[in-house]
Amino acid sequence: MYPVPPTFNKMDSGASVVDRKGTVMLKFMPSIGPRKYDSERKQLFALSANEVGCLVSLGSDESCEFFHDPSLKSSLEGQVKKTLAITPLTDGSGYMFHLSVMNSQLKTNERVSIPVTKAEFAVIRSAFTFALPHLLGWDRMILPQFEGSSSPAHLNKQGALKATVDADYEWDR
């Protein structure tokens, strides 16, 4: 899993607007042995901010499912269909991530399932919750407006301005 930051366009007025919202990219690779994976058959699935929100809000006995057509609204629409289902394990010890990718042009149907423990899911939930404002571009659009602000919400306990994080630096780590 890794974040894909949003892209921005500069308007004539000098203001920046989000051109494309960010995503969290999930990379799935089938196992070919203990701790060995087939990178040639990797599959990618990009979660939107709303889909991240759905995943973050899952209860211990809830599931969610997402359908994607990477070529939607193009001449290739319908040739590749991706489905990601996240379901709780029957013993309550975590979740199962199921990815199915059907490619009608290549006549392939790839399936990858990954068990995720409760602890791993807690880490995913925390990372996704942290990433959400960044996926929406809020960190770049809102924080710069408040630099130099002296409102109490932007002051630390000593009355000094809170430090802001350089978003470009954070994404490039």
Protein backbone atom coordinates (compact mmCIF):
# COMPACT_ATOMS: atom_id res chain seq x y z
CA MET A 1 0.00 0.00 0.00
CA TYR A 2 1.20 3.47 -0.79
CA PRO A 3 -0.36 6.92 -1.15
CA VAL A 4 -0.63 8.64 -4.51
CA PRO A 5 -0.87 12.39 -3.88
CA PRO A 6 -3.37 14.59 -5.70
CA THR A 7 -2.38 16.74 -8.63
CA PHE A 8 -3.11 20.46 -8.80
CA ASN A 9 -3.70 23.05 -11.51
CA LYS A 10 -2.88 26.70 -11.12
CA MET A 11 -5.72 29.03 -12.14
CA ASP A 12 -5.21 32.40 -13.83
CA SER A 13 -6.01 34.03 -10.48
CA GLY A 14 -3.01 32.28 -8.94
CA ALA A 15 -5.12 29.92 -6.85
CA SER A 16 -4.48 26.19 -7.02
CA VAL A 17 -7.29 23.68 -7.49
CA VAL A 18 -7.24 19.92 -7.18
CA ASP A 19 -7.06 18.46 -10.69
CA ARG A 20 -7.10 14.83 -9.62
CA LYS A 21 -7.72 13.62 -6.08
CA GLY A 22 -5.18 11.34 -4.49
CA THR A 23 -5.62 7.62 -3.93
CA VAL A 24 -4.19 4.81 -1.88
CA MET A 25 -2.71 2.27 -4.26
CA LEU A 26 -2.94 -1.36 -3.22
CA LYS A 27 -0.50 -3.75 -4.87
CA PHE A 28 -1.37 -7.45 -4.91
CA MET A 29 1.07 -10.16 -6.00
CA PRO A 30 0.29 -13.89 -6.01
CA SER A 31 2.45 -16.06 -3.82
CA ILE A 32 4.82 -18.50 -5.53
CA GLY A 33 6.36 -19.87 -2.35
CA PRO A 34 7.11 -18.96 1.26
CA ARG A 35 7.78 -15.20 1.26
CA LYS A 36 8.13 -15.21 -2.55
CA TYR A 37 5.77 -13.34 -4.85
CA ASP A 38 5.23 -13.18 -8.60
CA SER A 39 5.85 -9.53 -9.48
CA GLU A 40 5.12 -10.27 -13.15
CA ARG A 41 1.47 -10.95 -12.24
CA LYS A 42 1.02 -8.03 -9.84
CA GLN A 43 -2.34 -6.28 -9.79
CA LEU A 44 -3.03 -2.70 -8.68
CA PHE A 45 -6.21 -1.33 -7.14
CA ALA A 46 -6.55 2.38 -6.35
CA LEU A 47 -8.82 3.33 -3.45
CA SER A 48 -10.47 6.75 -3.62
CA ALA A 49 -10.88 8.89 -0.51
CA ASN A 50 -14.50 7.69 -0.16
CA GLU A 51 -13.43 4.06 -0.48
CA VAL A 52 -10.70 4.63 2.12
CA GLY A 53 -13.43 6.09 4.36
CA CYS A 54 -15.56 3.00 3.87
CA LEU A 55 -12.65 0.73 4.77
CA VAL A 56 -11.65 2.84 7.80
CA SER A 57 -15.20 2.72 9.16
CA LEU A 58 -15.59 -1.08 8.92
CA GLY A 59 -16.84 -2.77 12.05
CA SER A 60 -15.46 -6.14 13.15
CA ASP A 61 -18.36 -8.03 11.53
CA GLU A 62 -18.86 -5.80 8.47
CA SER A 63 -17.61 -6.14 4.92
CA CYS A 64 -17.30 -3.88 1.88
CA GLU A 65 -16.83 -4.37 -1.83
CA PHE A 66 -15.55 -2.06 -4.58
CA PHE A 67 -15.91 -2.42 -8.35
CA HIS A 68 -13.58 -0.64 -10.79
CA ASP A 69 -13.35 -0.44 -14.55
CA PRO A 70 -9.97 1.20 -15.26
CA SER A 71 -11.10 2.15 -18.79
CA LEU A 72 -14.48 3.60 -17.82
CA LYS A 73 -15.74 6.22 -20.29
CA SER A 74 -13.30 5.15 -23.00
CA SER A 75 -13.46 2.84 -26.00
CA LEU A 76 -11.95 0.06 -23.85
CA GLU A 77 -14.72 0.23 -21.22
CA GLY A 78 -15.72 -3.17 -19.86
CA GLN A 79 -12.63 -5.06 -20.98
CA VAL A 80 -11.06 -5.08 -17.51
CA LYS A 81 -13.18 -5.37 -14.38
CA LYS A 82 -11.66 -5.26 -10.91
CA THR A 83 -13.41 -6.22 -7.69
CA LEU A 84 -11.98 -5.79 -4.19
CA ALA A 85 -13.91 -7.38 -1.34
CA ILE A 86 -12.94 -7.02 2.29
CA THR A 87 -14.68 -9.52 4.55
CA PRO A 88 -14.25 -10.42 8.22
CA LEU A 89 -12.65 -13.75 9.04
CA THR A 90 -15.15 -16.19 10.57
CA ASP A 91 -13.14 -16.49 13.80
CA GLY A 92 -13.05 -12.70 14.26
CA SER A 93 -9.24 -12.56 14.05
CA GLY A 94 -9.11 -10.07 11.17
CA TYR A 95 -10.17 -9.62 7.56
CA MET A 96 -9.65 -11.20 4.19
CA PHE A 97 -8.82 -8.96 1.22
CA HIS A 98 -10.02 -10.62 -2.02
CA LEU A 99 -9.02 -9.10 -5.37
CA SER A 100 -10.47 -10.36 -8.63
CA VAL A 101 -9.35 -8.96 -12.00
CA MET A 102 -11.20 -10.14 -15.11
CA ASN A 103 -9.65 -9.18 -18.44
CA SER A 104 -11.96 -10.18 -21.32
CA GLN A 105 -9.43 -9.16 -23.99
CA LEU A 106 -6.70 -11.43 -22.59
CA LYS A 107 -9.27 -13.99 -21.39
CA THR A 108 -7.77 -14.03 -17.89
CA ASN A 109 -9.31 -14.02 -14.45
CA GLU A 110 -6.75 -13.36 -11.71
CA ARG A 111 -7.64 -13.83 -8.05
CA VAL A 112 -5.55 -12.95 -5.02
CA SER A 113 -6.63 -13.31 -1.38
CA ILE A 114 -4.69 -11.93 1.55
CA PRO A 115 -5.51 -12.51 5.23
CA VAL A 116 -5.03 -9.42 7.40
CA THR A 117 -4.84 -9.77 11.19
CA LYS A 118 -6.65 -7.38 13.56
CA ALA A 119 -3.32 -5.76 14.41
CA GLU A 120 -2.40 -5.31 10.74
CA PHE A 121 -5.85 -3.88 10.05
CA ALA A 122 -5.42 -1.43 12.95
CA VAL A 123 -2.20 -0.20 11.32
CA ILE A 124 -3.94 0.08 7.92
CA ARG A 125 -6.85 1.99 9.50
CA SER A 126 -4.49 4.40 11.26
CA ALA A 127 -2.36 5.00 8.15
CA PHE A 128 -5.45 5.52 6.00
CA THR A 129 -6.98 7.93 8.51
CA PHE A 130 -3.77 9.95 8.50
CA ALA A 131 -3.61 9.91 4.68
CA LEU A 132 -7.19 11.08 4.03
CA PRO A 133 -6.62 14.86 4.25
CA HIS A 134 -3.54 14.44 2.04
CA LEU A 135 -5.51 12.46 -0.57
CA LEU A 136 -8.02 15.30 -0.76
CA GLY A 137 -5.28 17.94 -0.99
CA TRP A 138 -6.43 19.67 2.20
CA ASP A 139 -2.91 19.82 3.62
CA ARG A 140 -1.75 21.91 0.65
CA MET A 141 -4.87 24.01 0.29
CA ILE A 142 -5.76 24.85 3.90
CA LEU A 143 -2.55 24.99 5.93
CA PRO A 144 -0.74 27.58 3.77
CA GLN A 145 -3.65 30.01 4.33
CA PHE A 146 -3.03 29.90 8.07
CA GLU A 147 0.72 30.42 8.06
CA GLY A 148 1.17 33.74 9.77
CA SER A 149 -2.28 33.52 11.34
CA SER A 150 -2.43 34.45 15.00
CA SER A 151 -5.78 32.79 15.73
CA PRO A 152 -5.68 30.62 18.88
CA ALA A 153 -6.45 27.45 16.91
CA HIS A 154 -3.09 27.78 15.16
CA LEU A 155 -0.94 28.56 18.18
CA ASN A 156 0.95 26.08 20.31
CA LYS A 157 0.91 26.10 24.14
CA GLN A 158 3.63 28.76 24.22
CA GLY A 159 1.60 31.08 21.96
CA ALA A 160 3.81 30.56 18.92
CA LEU A 161 2.53 29.46 15.52
CA LYS A 162 2.34 25.71 15.12
CA ALA A 163 4.83 24.36 12.62
CA THR A 164 3.34 23.25 9.31
CA VAL A 165 4.67 20.27 7.41
CA ASP A 166 5.98 20.73 3.89
CA ALA A 167 3.67 18.38 1.99
CA ASP A 168 6.08 17.91 -0.93
CA TYR A 169 8.74 16.73 1.48
CA GLU A 170 6.34 14.35 3.24
CA TRP A 171 5.18 12.65 0.03
CA ASP A 172 8.71 12.21 -1.27
CA ARG A 173 9.90 10.22 1.75
